[in-house]
C-alpha cells in the first residue's frame, strides 16, 4: 500500500466504535440536534431531546421534550426509522434532516394563536 494511494476501508458502520447501526444513527442525530441548539441526552432507551426555548405543558414538563428511538420499521421492510416517544414514525434513519424537521415541529414553541386562526 502506498501513502499516496490509501486503501479503501471495508469496515461496516459502527464496526470500529462497537455501536449498532441504530445507535450510530442516534449518535448522528444527537450531534445534528445539538447544532440546532436543542438539549440532547443519549440514554439506554434512546435520545432525550428538550427545547429549553419553549414552555412545556405543565409543572411536570416545564419544557417540551421527546424520547427519540431508532429501530426497524416493519411497514418499511425492516429499514431503520426514528420514532417519537408516542411510537409515531418520524423519518427513515438515513434521512436525519427530515427527522430534525419533524422533531422541531413536535417541540416547537406553542405561543397563543388568535382564535380566528383556529376556526
Protein backbone atom coordinates (compact mmCIF):
# COMPACT_ATOMS: atom_id res chain seq x y z
CA UNK A 1 0.00 0.00 0.00
CA UNK A 2 1.30 3.41 -0.98
CA UNK A 3 0.86 6.55 1.10
CA UNK A 4 -0.41 8.46 -1.91
CA UNK A 5 -2.95 5.70 -2.68
CA UNK A 6 -4.63 4.75 0.59
CA UNK A 7 -6.57 1.52 0.75
CA UNK A 8 -10.33 1.90 0.72
CA UNK A 9 -11.99 0.97 4.00
CA UNK A 10 -14.32 -2.01 4.02
CA UNK A 11 -15.44 -1.55 7.62
CA UNK A 12 -19.15 -1.61 8.31
CA UNK A 13 -20.66 1.45 10.04
CA UNK A 14 -20.20 1.08 13.77
CA UNK A 15 -17.63 -1.72 13.42
CA UNK A 16 -14.82 0.33 14.92
CA UNK A 17 -16.92 2.00 17.61
CA UNK A 18 -18.88 -1.09 18.58
CA UNK A 19 -22.19 0.73 18.09
CA UNK A 20 -25.11 -0.91 16.33
CA UNK A 21 -26.47 0.71 13.17
CA UNK A 22 -29.38 2.14 15.18
CA UNK A 23 -27.04 3.54 17.85
CA UNK A 24 -24.85 5.07 15.15
CA UNK A 25 -27.85 6.83 13.58
CA UNK A 26 -28.96 8.09 17.01
CA UNK A 27 -25.44 9.45 17.60
CA UNK A 28 -25.56 11.30 14.27
CA UNK A 29 -29.00 12.68 15.14
CA UNK A 30 -27.72 13.77 18.57
CA UNK A 31 -24.90 15.85 17.08
CA UNK A 32 -27.16 17.43 14.49
CA UNK A 33 -29.77 18.33 17.13
CA UNK A 34 -27.10 19.88 19.35
CA UNK A 35 -26.10 22.11 16.43
CA UNK A 36 -29.76 23.19 16.30
CA UNK A 37 -29.44 24.30 19.97
CA UNK A 38 -31.56 21.54 21.47
CA UNK A 39 -30.54 19.97 24.77
CA UNK A 40 -29.85 16.34 23.95
CA UNK A 41 -29.02 13.39 26.17
CA UNK A 42 -28.28 9.88 24.96
CA UNK A 43 -29.88 7.27 27.22
CA UNK A 44 -30.23 3.50 27.10
CA UNK A 45 -33.75 3.96 25.78
CA UNK A 46 -32.86 6.49 23.05
CA UNK A 47 -32.14 10.19 22.71
CA UNK A 48 -33.94 12.61 25.05
CA UNK A 49 -34.43 15.93 23.23
CA UNK A 50 -35.51 19.12 25.04
CA UNK A 51 -36.39 22.54 23.67
CA UNK A 52 -35.47 24.91 26.50
CA UNK A 53 -36.59 27.91 24.43
CA UNK A 54 -40.25 26.92 24.77
CA UNK A 55 -42.64 26.45 27.65
CA UNK A 56 -43.88 23.00 28.46
CA UNK A 57 -47.41 21.92 29.14
CA UNK A 58 -47.37 21.68 32.91
CA UNK A 59 -45.19 21.77 36.05
CA UNK A 60 -44.10 18.16 35.49
CA UNK A 61 -42.94 19.07 31.97
CA UNK A 62 -41.54 22.61 32.15
CA UNK A 63 -40.12 22.39 28.59
CA UNK A 64 -41.20 20.34 25.58
CA UNK A 65 -39.26 17.10 25.30
CA UNK A 66 -39.38 13.80 23.48
CA UNK A 67 -37.56 10.49 23.58
CA UNK A 68 -36.41 9.53 20.10
CA UNK A 69 -35.64 5.90 19.33
CA UNK A 70 -34.29 4.14 16.27
CA UNK A 71 -35.50 0.69 15.29
CA UNK A 72 -36.60 -1.36 12.30
CA UNK A 73 -39.98 -0.39 10.89
CA UNK A 74 -41.94 -3.45 9.80
CA UNK A 75 -44.13 -1.47 7.40
CA UNK A 76 -40.99 -0.37 5.52
CA UNK A 77 -39.38 -3.77 5.09
CA UNK A 78 -37.44 -3.57 8.34
CA UNK A 79 -35.44 -0.45 7.44
CA UNK A 80 -34.30 1.65 10.39
CA UNK A 81 -36.54 4.56 11.31
CA UNK A 82 -36.59 7.21 14.01
CA UNK A 83 -39.68 7.10 16.26
CA UNK A 84 -41.11 9.57 18.77
CA UNK A 85 -42.00 8.55 22.31
CA UNK A 86 -45.60 8.07 21.21
CA UNK A 87 -44.49 5.44 18.69
CA UNK A 88 -45.07 7.69 15.69
CA UNK A 89 -42.57 7.08 12.88
CA UNK A 90 -40.68 10.31 12.18
CA UNK A 91 -38.32 9.55 9.29
CA UNK A 92 -36.07 6.86 7.90
CA UNK A 93 -32.86 6.77 9.93
CA UNK A 94 -30.73 7.76 6.94
CA UNK A 95 -32.87 10.90 6.48
CA UNK A 96 -31.60 12.80 9.51
CA UNK A 97 -32.62 16.23 8.19
CA UNK A 98 -36.21 15.04 7.73
CA UNK A 99 -36.19 13.67 11.28
CA UNK A 100 -34.93 17.01 12.63
CA UNK A 101 -37.73 18.88 10.85
CA UNK A 102 -40.31 16.54 12.44
CA UNK A 103 -38.69 16.81 15.88
CA UNK A 104 -38.60 20.60 15.65
CA UNK A 105 -42.31 20.59 14.84
CA UNK A 106 -43.06 18.33 17.79
CA UNK A 107 -41.08 20.53 20.20
CA UNK A 108 -41.96 23.94 18.75
CA UNK A 109 -42.96 26.87 20.88
CA UNK A 110 -46.72 26.98 21.13
CA UNK A 111 -47.49 30.67 21.52
CA UNK A 112 -51.12 31.53 21.74
CA UNK A 113 -52.82 31.59 18.36
CA UNK A 114 -55.59 34.12 17.77
CA UNK A 115 -58.99 32.42 17.95
CA UNK A 116 -59.93 33.49 14.42
CA UNK A 117 -56.99 31.45 13.07
CA UNK A 118 -58.22 28.28 14.68
CA UNK A 119 -61.65 28.40 13.00
